[in-house]
Amino acid sequence: MTAEPDLRPSPLHTGPLGPKPLDPARLAVLSLPMHDPRVRPLLDELAVEYDTRYGDLFGRSAAADELNRYPAAEFEEPNGALLVVQEDGESIAGGAFRRYDHTTAELKRIWTHSGHRRRGLARLVLAELEALATARGYTRLYLTTGPRQPEAKQLYLATGYQALFDVDADPESIGPLAFTKDLPAN
């Protein structure tokens, strides 16, 4: 049996009233290539997260397989992007998109550092990715998340994404949970 991941914010980033609020003056949103060392925390923690949540479902090599499934070039201009949010120089959140089809970008690698969750960073990453995809001429977004990521499912539903599955069904009976969202006209 695999232990459930500890999804509580780190004590370093919480106070008596909960998670530390975001201070935009301390944040930077960077567009980076996959090989940039500032992206490494995103990839390393995603691998641990995938292994922890899905190791018994997909096997221990599944995280590496998923993270290496797409060439890094697919997340670069002009068709893709990889964004990292830094706070005081530390990479704390990020995400990417790649071309899915002529009008659709596929969101991938949405991540918030485990010590910084519940601060609104995933919403910030989504908003930044949506704005950039719109600026690049995409009119629709597509994404999938795993059945053992209920917080991701709720985030996408809360931010206007349409579920392409029965939201009341057991997620593990569905497999990857697919969502779409139409983007505003550019």
N, C-alpha and C. Protein backbone atom coordinates (compact mmCIF):
# COMPACT_ATOMS: atom_id res chain seq x y z
N MET A 1 0.84 -1.18 0.00
CA MET A 1 0.00 0.00 0.00
C MET A 1 0.88 1.24 0.00
N THR A 2 0.56 2.21 -0.84
CA THR A 2 1.33 3.43 -0.96
C THR A 2 0.79 4.47 0.02
N ALA A 3 1.69 5.13 0.72
CA ALA A 3 1.28 6.18 1.65
C ALA A 3 0.74 7.36 0.87
N GLU A 4 -0.28 8.00 1.41
CA GLU A 4 -0.82 9.19 0.79
C GLU A 4 0.18 10.33 0.96
N PRO A 5 0.32 11.20 -0.05
CA PRO A 5 1.25 12.32 0.08
C PRO A 5 0.74 13.32 1.12
N ASP A 6 1.67 13.98 1.77
CA ASP A 6 1.33 15.04 2.71
C ASP A 6 1.11 16.30 1.89
N LEU A 7 -0.13 16.72 1.75
CA LEU A 7 -0.46 17.86 0.90
C LEU A 7 -0.62 19.15 1.69
N ARG A 8 -0.31 19.13 2.98
CA ARG A 8 -0.41 20.34 3.79
C ARG A 8 0.71 21.30 3.44
N PRO A 9 0.43 22.61 3.50
CA PRO A 9 1.50 23.57 3.26
C PRO A 9 2.60 23.41 4.30
N SER A 10 3.80 23.70 3.91
CA SER A 10 4.94 23.66 4.83
C SER A 10 4.75 24.69 5.93
N PRO A 11 5.16 24.38 7.17
CA PRO A 11 5.05 25.37 8.24
C PRO A 11 5.80 26.66 7.92
N LEU A 12 6.81 26.57 7.07
CA LEU A 12 7.58 27.74 6.68
C LEU A 12 6.70 28.79 6.00
N HIS A 13 5.65 28.34 5.33
CA HIS A 13 4.83 29.23 4.53
C HIS A 13 3.43 29.40 5.08
N THR A 14 3.23 29.10 6.34
CA THR A 14 1.92 29.28 6.95
C THR A 14 2.06 30.11 8.21
N GLY A 15 0.95 30.62 8.63
CA GLY A 15 0.90 31.38 9.88
C GLY A 15 -0.35 30.97 10.62
N PRO A 16 -0.71 31.71 11.65
CA PRO A 16 -1.89 31.36 12.43
C PRO A 16 -3.18 31.42 11.62
N LEU A 17 -3.18 32.16 10.53
CA LEU A 17 -4.38 32.29 9.71
C LEU A 17 -4.33 31.41 8.47
N GLY A 18 -3.38 30.51 8.37
CA GLY A 18 -3.29 29.62 7.23
C GLY A 18 -2.12 29.96 6.33
N PRO A 19 -2.22 29.55 5.05
CA PRO A 19 -1.12 29.79 4.12
C PRO A 19 -0.80 31.27 3.95
N LYS A 20 0.47 31.54 3.76
CA LYS A 20 0.95 32.91 3.56
C LYS A 20 0.34 33.47 2.27
N PRO A 21 -0.27 34.67 2.32
CA PRO A 21 -0.87 35.24 1.11
C PRO A 21 0.21 35.59 0.08
N LEU A 22 -0.22 35.62 -1.18
CA LEU A 22 0.70 35.99 -2.26
C LEU A 22 0.96 37.49 -2.21
N ASP A 23 2.21 37.85 -2.41
CA ASP A 23 2.62 39.24 -2.53
C ASP A 23 3.15 39.41 -3.94
N PRO A 24 2.36 40.01 -4.84
CA PRO A 24 2.79 40.14 -6.24
C PRO A 24 4.16 40.79 -6.41
N ALA A 25 4.55 41.65 -5.48
CA ALA A 25 5.85 42.31 -5.59
C ALA A 25 7.00 41.32 -5.43
N ARG A 26 6.74 40.17 -4.82
CA ARG A 26 7.79 39.17 -4.59
C ARG A 26 7.76 38.05 -5.64
N LEU A 27 6.81 38.13 -6.58
CA LEU A 27 6.65 37.07 -7.58
C LEU A 27 7.19 37.49 -8.94
N ALA A 28 7.70 36.51 -9.66
CA ALA A 28 8.11 36.69 -11.06
C ALA A 28 7.61 35.50 -11.84
N VAL A 29 7.01 35.77 -12.99
CA VAL A 29 6.57 34.71 -13.89
C VAL A 29 7.57 34.68 -15.05
N LEU A 30 8.25 33.54 -15.17
CA LEU A 30 9.31 33.40 -16.16
C LEU A 30 8.91 32.40 -17.23
N SER A 31 9.17 32.72 -18.48
CA SER A 31 9.00 31.79 -19.59
C SER A 31 10.38 31.18 -19.85
N LEU A 32 10.49 29.86 -19.66
CA LEU A 32 11.79 29.20 -19.68
C LEU A 32 11.81 27.97 -20.57
N PRO A 33 12.97 27.60 -21.08
CA PRO A 33 13.09 26.31 -21.78
C PRO A 33 13.16 25.18 -20.75
N MET A 34 12.78 24.00 -21.16
CA MET A 34 12.73 22.85 -20.27
C MET A 34 14.07 22.58 -19.59
N HIS A 35 15.19 22.84 -20.25
CA HIS A 35 16.50 22.52 -19.69
C HIS A 35 17.02 23.57 -18.69
N ASP A 36 16.29 24.66 -18.49
CA ASP A 36 16.73 25.68 -17.55
C ASP A 36 16.71 25.11 -16.12
N PRO A 37 17.76 25.33 -15.33
CA PRO A 37 17.80 24.77 -13.97
C PRO A 37 16.66 25.25 -13.07
N ARG A 38 16.04 26.38 -13.38
CA ARG A 38 14.93 26.86 -12.56
C ARG A 38 13.66 26.03 -12.76
N VAL A 39 13.65 25.18 -13.81
CA VAL A 39 12.53 24.28 -14.07
C VAL A 39 12.68 22.98 -13.28
N ARG A 40 13.91 22.64 -12.91
CA ARG A 40 14.20 21.36 -12.25
C ARG A 40 13.31 21.07 -11.04
N PRO A 41 13.05 22.05 -10.13
CA PRO A 41 12.18 21.74 -8.99
C PRO A 41 10.79 21.27 -9.42
N LEU A 42 10.26 21.85 -10.47
CA LEU A 42 8.96 21.45 -11.00
C LEU A 42 9.00 19.99 -11.43
N LEU A 43 9.97 19.63 -12.24
CA LEU A 43 10.06 18.26 -12.75
C LEU A 43 10.36 17.25 -11.65
N ASP A 44 11.26 17.61 -10.74
CA ASP A 44 11.60 16.68 -9.66
C ASP A 44 10.41 16.41 -8.76
N GLU A 45 9.70 17.46 -8.38
CA GLU A 45 8.57 17.24 -7.47
C GLU A 45 7.40 16.58 -8.18
N LEU A 46 7.20 16.87 -9.46
CA LEU A 46 6.16 16.16 -10.21
C LEU A 46 6.44 14.66 -10.25
N ALA A 47 7.69 14.28 -10.43
CA ALA A 47 8.04 12.86 -10.45
C ALA A 47 7.71 12.19 -9.12
N VAL A 48 8.03 12.85 -8.02
CA VAL A 48 7.70 12.31 -6.69
C VAL A 48 6.19 12.23 -6.52
N GLU A 49 5.50 13.29 -6.90
CA GLU A 49 4.04 13.34 -6.77
C GLU A 49 3.39 12.22 -7.57
N TYR A 50 3.80 12.04 -8.83
CA TYR A 50 3.22 10.99 -9.66
C TYR A 50 3.51 9.61 -9.08
N ASP A 51 4.75 9.39 -8.65
CA ASP A 51 5.10 8.09 -8.07
C ASP A 51 4.31 7.82 -6.79
N THR A 52 4.16 8.84 -5.95
CA THR A 52 3.45 8.68 -4.68
C THR A 52 1.97 8.38 -4.91
N ARG A 53 1.37 9.11 -5.81
CA ARG A 53 -0.07 8.95 -6.05
C ARG A 53 -0.41 7.76 -6.95
N TYR A 54 0.46 7.46 -7.91
CA TYR A 54 0.08 6.50 -8.94
C TYR A 54 0.98 5.28 -9.05
N GLY A 55 1.99 5.17 -8.20
CA GLY A 55 2.94 4.07 -8.33
C GLY A 55 2.30 2.71 -8.37
N ASP A 56 1.30 2.47 -7.52
CA ASP A 56 0.65 1.16 -7.51
C ASP A 56 -0.35 0.99 -8.64
N LEU A 57 -0.74 2.08 -9.29
CA LEU A 57 -1.72 2.02 -10.37
C LEU A 57 -1.06 1.83 -11.73
N PHE A 58 0.01 2.58 -11.99
CA PHE A 58 0.65 2.55 -13.29
C PHE A 58 2.05 1.95 -13.30
N GLY A 59 2.62 1.68 -12.14
CA GLY A 59 3.97 1.14 -12.07
C GLY A 59 4.98 2.23 -11.77
N ARG A 60 6.11 1.84 -11.24
CA ARG A 60 7.11 2.80 -10.77
C ARG A 60 7.81 3.59 -11.86
N SER A 61 7.82 3.13 -13.09
CA SER A 61 8.47 3.92 -14.14
C SER A 61 7.50 4.89 -14.81
N ALA A 62 6.25 4.89 -14.37
CA ALA A 62 5.23 5.71 -15.02
C ALA A 62 5.53 7.20 -14.93
N ALA A 63 6.04 7.66 -13.79
CA ALA A 63 6.33 9.10 -13.65
C ALA A 63 7.39 9.53 -14.65
N ALA A 64 8.47 8.79 -14.73
CA ALA A 64 9.52 9.13 -15.69
C ALA A 64 9.00 9.05 -17.12
N ASP A 65 8.20 8.02 -17.40
CA ASP A 65 7.63 7.88 -18.74
C ASP A 65 6.78 9.09 -19.09
N GLU A 66 5.93 9.51 -18.15
CA GLU A 66 5.06 10.65 -18.41
C GLU A 66 5.86 11.94 -18.59
N LEU A 67 6.83 12.17 -17.73
CA LEU A 67 7.61 13.41 -17.81
C LEU A 67 8.51 13.46 -19.04
N ASN A 68 8.80 12.32 -19.63
CA ASN A 68 9.65 12.28 -20.83
C ASN A 68 8.85 11.98 -22.10
N ARG A 69 7.54 11.96 -21.98
CA ARG A 69 6.69 11.58 -23.12
C ARG A 69 6.79 12.54 -24.30
N TYR A 70 6.95 13.83 -24.02
CA TYR A 70 6.95 14.83 -25.08
C TYR A 70 8.32 15.49 -25.17
N PRO A 71 8.81 15.72 -26.39
CA PRO A 71 10.09 16.42 -26.55
C PRO A 71 10.00 17.83 -25.96
N ALA A 72 11.08 18.28 -25.37
CA ALA A 72 11.13 19.61 -24.76
C ALA A 72 10.75 20.70 -25.75
N ALA A 73 11.08 20.51 -27.01
CA ALA A 73 10.79 21.53 -28.03
C ALA A 73 9.29 21.79 -28.17
N GLU A 74 8.45 20.84 -27.81
CA GLU A 74 7.00 21.04 -27.91
C GLU A 74 6.50 22.10 -26.93
N PHE A 75 7.30 22.42 -25.92
CA PHE A 75 6.91 23.40 -24.91
C PHE A 75 7.61 24.74 -25.14
N GLU A 76 8.10 24.96 -26.35
CA GLU A 76 8.78 26.21 -26.69
C GLU A 76 7.99 26.97 -27.74
N GLU A 77 8.29 28.26 -27.85
CA GLU A 77 7.67 29.09 -28.89
C GLU A 77 7.93 28.49 -30.26
N PRO A 78 7.07 28.65 -31.20
CA PRO A 78 5.86 29.47 -31.17
C PRO A 78 4.61 28.71 -30.72
N ASN A 79 4.67 27.39 -30.64
CA ASN A 79 3.47 26.60 -30.36
C ASN A 79 3.27 26.24 -28.90
N GLY A 80 4.29 26.39 -28.09
CA GLY A 80 4.17 25.99 -26.70
C GLY A 80 4.81 27.00 -25.77
N ALA A 81 4.76 26.69 -24.49
CA ALA A 81 5.36 27.55 -23.48
C ALA A 81 5.53 26.76 -22.20
N LEU A 82 6.51 27.15 -21.42
CA LEU A 82 6.70 26.62 -20.07
C LEU A 82 6.93 27.81 -19.17
N LEU A 83 6.07 27.96 -18.16
CA LEU A 83 6.17 29.08 -17.24
C LEU A 83 6.53 28.57 -15.85
N VAL A 84 7.36 29.32 -15.15
CA VAL A 84 7.70 29.04 -13.76
C VAL A 84 7.44 30.32 -12.97
N VAL A 85 6.75 30.16 -11.85
CA VAL A 85 6.54 31.27 -10.94
C VAL A 85 7.59 31.17 -9.85
N GLN A 86 8.31 32.26 -9.65
CA GLN A 86 9.30 32.30 -8.58
C GLN A 86 8.87 33.33 -7.55
N GLU A 87 9.15 33.00 -6.30
CA GLU A 87 8.95 33.93 -5.20
C GLU A 87 10.31 34.12 -4.54
N ASP A 88 10.79 35.33 -4.56
CA ASP A 88 12.12 35.63 -4.01
C ASP A 88 13.19 34.71 -4.59
N GLY A 89 13.09 34.42 -5.89
CA GLY A 89 14.09 33.61 -6.57
C GLY A 89 13.91 32.11 -6.45
N GLU A 90 12.91 31.64 -5.72
CA GLU A 90 12.65 30.20 -5.56
C GLU A 90 11.51 29.79 -6.50
N SER A 91 11.70 28.72 -7.26
CA SER A 91 10.65 28.20 -8.14
C SER A 91 9.58 27.53 -7.28
N ILE A 92 8.35 28.09 -7.32
CA ILE A 92 7.30 27.58 -6.44
C ILE A 92 6.06 27.09 -7.17
N ALA A 93 5.95 27.35 -8.46
CA ALA A 93 4.79 26.88 -9.23
C ALA A 93 5.15 26.96 -10.71
N GLY A 94 4.37 26.29 -11.51
CA GLY A 94 4.63 26.35 -12.94
C GLY A 94 3.63 25.54 -13.73
N GLY A 95 3.81 25.58 -15.02
CA GLY A 95 2.97 24.83 -15.93
C GLY A 95 3.40 25.10 -17.35
N ALA A 96 2.81 24.34 -18.24
CA ALA A 96 3.22 24.43 -19.64
C ALA A 96 2.03 24.17 -20.55
N PHE A 97 2.22 24.48 -21.82
CA PHE A 97 1.28 24.02 -22.84
C PHE A 97 2.04 23.68 -24.09
N ARG A 98 1.40 22.85 -24.90
CA ARG A 98 1.93 22.42 -26.20
C ARG A 98 0.77 22.44 -27.18
N ARG A 99 1.09 22.44 -28.47
CA ARG A 99 0.04 22.40 -29.48
C ARG A 99 -0.65 21.05 -29.44
N TYR A 100 -1.98 21.07 -29.35
CA TYR A 100 -2.79 19.86 -29.40
C TYR A 100 -3.35 19.69 -30.81
N ASP A 101 -3.88 20.77 -31.35
CA ASP A 101 -4.27 20.83 -32.76
C ASP A 101 -4.17 22.29 -33.18
N HIS A 102 -4.62 22.60 -34.36
CA HIS A 102 -4.42 23.94 -34.92
C HIS A 102 -4.98 25.06 -34.03
N THR A 103 -6.08 24.81 -33.33
CA THR A 103 -6.71 25.85 -32.52
C THR A 103 -6.65 25.58 -31.02
N THR A 104 -6.09 24.44 -30.62
CA THR A 104 -6.14 24.02 -29.23
C THR A 104 -4.74 23.82 -28.65
N ALA A 105 -4.54 24.39 -27.47
CA ALA A 105 -3.31 24.14 -26.71
C ALA A 105 -3.64 23.12 -25.61
N GLU A 106 -2.71 22.22 -25.35
CA GLU A 106 -2.87 21.25 -24.28
C GLU A 106 -2.04 21.67 -23.08
N LEU A 107 -2.70 21.87 -21.95
CA LEU A 107 -1.98 22.21 -20.72
C LEU A 107 -1.34 20.97 -20.14
N LYS A 108 -0.10 21.13 -19.67
CA LYS A 108 0.65 20.03 -19.07
C LYS A 108 1.46 20.58 -17.90
N ARG A 109 1.86 19.69 -17.01
CA ARG A 109 2.82 19.99 -15.95
C ARG A 109 2.40 21.11 -15.00
N ILE A 110 1.09 21.24 -14.76
CA ILE A 110 0.64 22.24 -13.80
C ILE A 110 1.11 21.77 -12.42
N TRP A 111 1.82 22.62 -11.73
CA TRP A 111 2.48 22.21 -10.49
C TRP A 111 2.56 23.37 -9.51
N THR A 112 2.37 23.05 -8.24
CA THR A 112 2.66 23.97 -7.15
C THR A 112 3.51 23.22 -6.14
N HIS A 113 4.61 23.81 -5.74
CA HIS A 113 5.50 23.21 -4.75
C HIS A 113 4.68 22.82 -3.53
N SER A 114 4.94 21.65 -2.98
CA SER A 114 4.15 21.14 -1.86
C SER A 114 4.16 22.08 -0.65
N GLY A 115 5.21 22.86 -0.49
CA GLY A 115 5.28 23.79 0.62
C GLY A 115 4.57 25.11 0.38
N HIS A 116 3.97 25.26 -0.80
CA HIS A 116 3.33 26.53 -1.15
C HIS A 116 1.89 26.36 -1.61
N ARG A 117 1.31 25.23 -1.34
CA ARG A 117 -0.06 24.98 -1.79
C ARG A 117 -1.06 25.77 -0.96
N ARG A 118 -2.26 25.95 -1.56
CA ARG A 118 -3.38 26.66 -0.94
C ARG A 118 -3.11 28.17 -0.82
N ARG A 119 -2.31 28.67 -1.75
CA ARG A 119 -2.00 30.11 -1.78
C ARG A 119 -2.53 30.78 -3.05
N GLY A 120 -3.18 30.01 -3.94
CA GLY A 120 -3.68 30.58 -5.18
C GLY A 120 -2.70 30.51 -6.34
N LEU A 121 -1.61 29.80 -6.15
CA LEU A 121 -0.59 29.74 -7.21
C LEU A 121 -1.06 28.98 -8.44
N ALA A 122 -1.80 27.90 -8.26
CA ALA A 122 -2.28 27.15 -9.42
C ALA A 122 -3.22 28.01 -10.26
N ARG A 123 -4.05 28.80 -9.61
CA ARG A 123 -4.93 29.72 -10.34
C ARG A 123 -4.11 30.76 -11.10
N LEU A 124 -3.05 31.25 -10.47
CA LEU A 124 -2.16 32.20 -11.13
C LEU A 124 -1.52 31.56 -12.37
N VAL A 125 -1.01 30.35 -12.21
CA VAL A 125 -0.39 29.64 -13.34
C VAL A 125 -1.40 29.45 -14.47
N LEU A 126 -2.61 29.01 -14.13
CA LEU A 126 -3.64 28.83 -15.16
C LEU A 126 -3.93 30.14 -15.88
N ALA A 127 -4.09 31.22 -15.14
CA ALA A 127 -4.40 32.51 -15.76
C ALA A 127 -3.27 32.95 -16.69
N GLU A 128 -2.03 32.76 -16.27
CA GLU A 128 -0.89 33.14 -17.10
C GLU A 128 -0.82 32.28 -18.37
N LEU A 129 -1.04 30.96 -18.22
CA LEU A 129 -1.02 30.07 -19.38
C LEU A 129 -2.17 30.38 -20.33
N GLU A 130 -3.35 30.66 -19.78
CA GLU A 130 -4.50 31.00 -20.62
C GLU A 130 -4.24 32.27 -21.40
N ALA A 131 -3.69 33.28 -20.75
CA ALA A 131 -3.41 34.55 -21.42
C ALA A 131 -2.37 34.37 -22.53
N LEU A 132 -1.35 33.59 -22.25
CA LEU A 132 -0.30 33.37 -23.25
C LEU A 132 -0.83 32.54 -24.42
N ALA A 133 -1.63 31.52 -24.13
CA ALA A 133 -2.21 30.71 -25.21
C ALA A 133 -3.13 31.57 -26.09
N THR A 134 -3.90 32.45 -25.46
CA THR A 134 -4.75 33.36 -26.22
C THR A 134 -3.90 34.27 -27.10
N ALA A 135 -2.83 34.82 -26.54
CA ALA A 135 -1.94 35.70 -27.31
C ALA A 135 -1.29 34.97 -28.48
N ARG A 136 -1.09 33.67 -28.33
CA ARG A 136 -0.48 32.87 -29.41
C ARG A 136 -1.52 32.40 -30.43
N GLY A 137 -2.77 32.80 -30.26
CA GLY A 137 -3.80 32.50 -31.25
C GLY A 137 -4.63 31.26 -30.99
N TYR A 138 -4.43 30.60 -29.89
CA TYR A 138 -5.26 29.45 -29.57
C TYR A 138 -6.65 29.92 -29.12
N THR A 139 -7.67 29.14 -29.45
CA THR A 139 -9.04 29.48 -29.07
C THR A 139 -9.63 28.49 -28.06
N ARG A 140 -8.88 27.46 -27.75
CA ARG A 140 -9.38 26.44 -26.84
C ARG A 140 -8.22 25.78 -26.10
N LEU A 141 -8.50 25.34 -24.88
CA LEU A 141 -7.52 24.59 -24.10
C LEU A 141 -8.07 23.19 -23.83
N TYR A 142 -7.17 22.25 -23.75
CA TYR A 142 -7.50 20.86 -23.41
C TYR A 142 -6.49 20.43 -22.36
N LEU A 143 -6.93 19.61 -21.41
CA LEU A 143 -5.99 19.05 -20.43
C LEU A 143 -6.57 17.77 -19.87
N THR A 144 -5.68 16.98 -19.30
CA THR A 144 -6.10 15.82 -18.52
C THR A 144 -5.38 15.88 -17.19
N THR A 145 -6.04 15.34 -16.19
CA THR A 145 -5.41 15.17 -14.89
C THR A 145 -5.72 13.75 -14.44
N GLY A 146 -4.96 13.30 -13.49
CA GLY A 146 -5.13 11.92 -13.04
C GLY A 146 -6.30 11.74 -12.09
N PRO A 147 -6.79 10.51 -12.00
CA PRO A 147 -7.94 10.23 -11.14
C PRO A 147 -7.65 10.35 -9.65
N ARG A 148 -6.39 10.40 -9.28
CA ARG A 148 -6.02 10.53 -7.87
C ARG A 148 -5.56 11.94 -7.51
N GLN A 149 -6.07 12.92 -8.25
CA GLN A 149 -5.74 14.32 -7.99
C GLN A 149 -7.04 15.12 -7.84
N PRO A 150 -7.79 14.86 -6.77
CA PRO A 150 -9.08 15.53 -6.61
C PRO A 150 -8.96 17.05 -6.51
N GLU A 151 -7.86 17.54 -5.96
CA GLU A 151 -7.71 18.99 -5.86
C GLU A 151 -7.54 19.61 -7.25
N ALA A 152 -6.90 18.90 -8.17
CA ALA A 152 -6.78 19.41 -9.54
C ALA A 152 -8.14 19.41 -10.23
N LYS A 153 -8.88 18.33 -10.06
CA LYS A 153 -10.23 18.25 -10.64
C LYS A 153 -11.07 19.44 -10.17
N GLN A 154 -11.05 19.72 -8.87
CA GLN A 154 -11.84 20.82 -8.33
C GLN A 154 -11.34 22.18 -8.83
N LEU A 155 -10.03 22.34 -8.97
CA LEU A 155 -9.47 23.58 -9.50
C LEU A 155 -10.00 23.84 -10.91
N TYR A 156 -9.94 22.84 -11.77
CA TYR A 156 -10.37 23.04 -13.15
C TYR A 156 -11.86 23.33 -13.23
N LEU A 157 -12.66 22.62 -12.44
CA LEU A 157 -14.10 22.89 -12.44
C LEU A 157 -14.38 24.31 -11.92
N ALA A 158 -13.64 24.74 -10.92
CA ALA A 158 -13.86 26.07 -10.32
C ALA A 158 -13.38 27.21 -11.21
N THR A 159 -12.53 26.91 -12.20
CA THR A 159 -11.99 27.97 -13.05
C THR A 159 -12.56 27.92 -14.47
N GLY A 160 -13.71 27.29 -14.62
CA GLY A 160 -14.43 27.37 -15.89
C GLY A 160 -14.13 26.29 -16.90
N TYR A 161 -13.41 25.27 -16.52
CA TYR A 161 -13.15 24.16 -17.44
C TYR A 161 -14.34 23.22 -17.45
N GLN A 162 -14.65 22.68 -18.62
CA GLN A 162 -15.76 21.75 -18.78
C GLN A 162 -15.23 20.33 -18.72
N ALA A 163 -15.81 19.53 -17.83
CA ALA A 163 -15.41 18.13 -17.71
C ALA A 163 -15.94 17.35 -18.90
N LEU A 164 -15.10 16.50 -19.47
CA LEU A 164 -15.50 15.63 -20.57
C LEU A 164 -15.76 14.22 -20.04
N PHE A 165 -16.23 14.14 -18.80
CA PHE A 165 -16.50 12.88 -18.13
C PHE A 165 -17.60 13.12 -17.11
N ASP A 166 -18.15 12.07 -16.58
CA ASP A 166 -19.18 12.15 -15.55
C ASP A 166 -18.51 12.52 -14.23
N VAL A 167 -18.72 13.74 -13.75
CA VAL A 167 -18.05 14.20 -12.54
C VAL A 167 -18.49 13.44 -11.29
N ASP A 168 -19.61 12.73 -11.35
CA ASP A 168 -20.09 11.97 -10.20
C ASP A 168 -19.59 10.53 -10.19
N ALA A 169 -18.95 10.10 -11.27
CA ALA A 169 -18.43 8.73 -11.34
C ALA A 169 -17.16 8.59 -10.52
N ASP A 170 -16.83 7.38 -10.14
CA ASP A 170 -15.56 7.09 -9.46
C ASP A 170 -14.43 7.44 -10.43
N PRO A 171 -13.56 8.40 -10.07
CA PRO A 171 -12.51 8.82 -11.00
C PRO A 171 -11.62 7.67 -11.49
N GLU A 172 -11.36 6.69 -10.64
CA GLU A 172 -10.49 5.60 -11.07
C GLU A 172 -11.16 4.69 -12.08
N SER A 173 -12.49 4.76 -12.19
CA SER A 173 -13.18 4.00 -13.23
C SER A 173 -13.10 4.70 -14.58
N ILE A 174 -12.65 5.97 -14.57
CA ILE A 174 -12.57 6.77 -15.79
C ILE A 174 -11.17 6.75 -16.38
N GLY A 175 -10.17 6.83 -15.52
CA GLY A 175 -8.79 6.99 -15.99
C GLY A 175 -8.47 8.47 -16.02
N PRO A 176 -7.71 8.93 -17.01
CA PRO A 176 -7.40 10.36 -17.10
C PRO A 176 -8.69 11.18 -17.21
N LEU A 177 -8.77 12.25 -16.45
CA LEU A 177 -9.93 13.13 -16.44
C LEU A 177 -9.68 14.28 -17.40
N ALA A 178 -10.44 14.34 -18.47
CA ALA A 178 -10.22 15.34 -19.53
C ALA A 178 -11.13 16.55 -19.33
N PHE A 179 -10.59 17.72 -19.64
CA PHE A 179 -11.30 19.00 -19.54
C PHE A 179 -10.99 19.83 -20.77
N THR A 180 -11.91 20.74 -21.09
CA THR A 180 -11.67 21.75 -22.13
C THR A 180 -12.16 23.09 -21.62
N LYS A 181 -11.65 24.13 -22.26
CA LYS A 181 -12.11 25.49 -21.96
C LYS A 181 -11.92 26.32 -23.21
N ASP A 182 -12.98 27.05 -23.58
CA ASP A 182 -12.87 27.99 -24.68
C ASP A 182 -12.20 29.25 -24.18
N LEU A 183 -11.30 29.79 -25.00
CA LEU A 183 -10.59 31.02 -24.65
C LEU A 183 -11.29 32.22 -25.27
N PRO A 184 -11.16 33.38 -24.66
CA PRO A 184 -11.77 34.58 -25.25
C PRO A 184 -11.09 34.91 -26.58
N ALA A 185 -11.83 35.57 -27.45
CA ALA A 185 -11.26 35.99 -28.74
C ALA A 185 -10.13 36.96 -28.47
N ASN A 186 -9.08 36.83 -29.25
CA ASN A 186 -7.89 37.68 -29.09
C ASN A 186 -8.06 38.98 -29.85
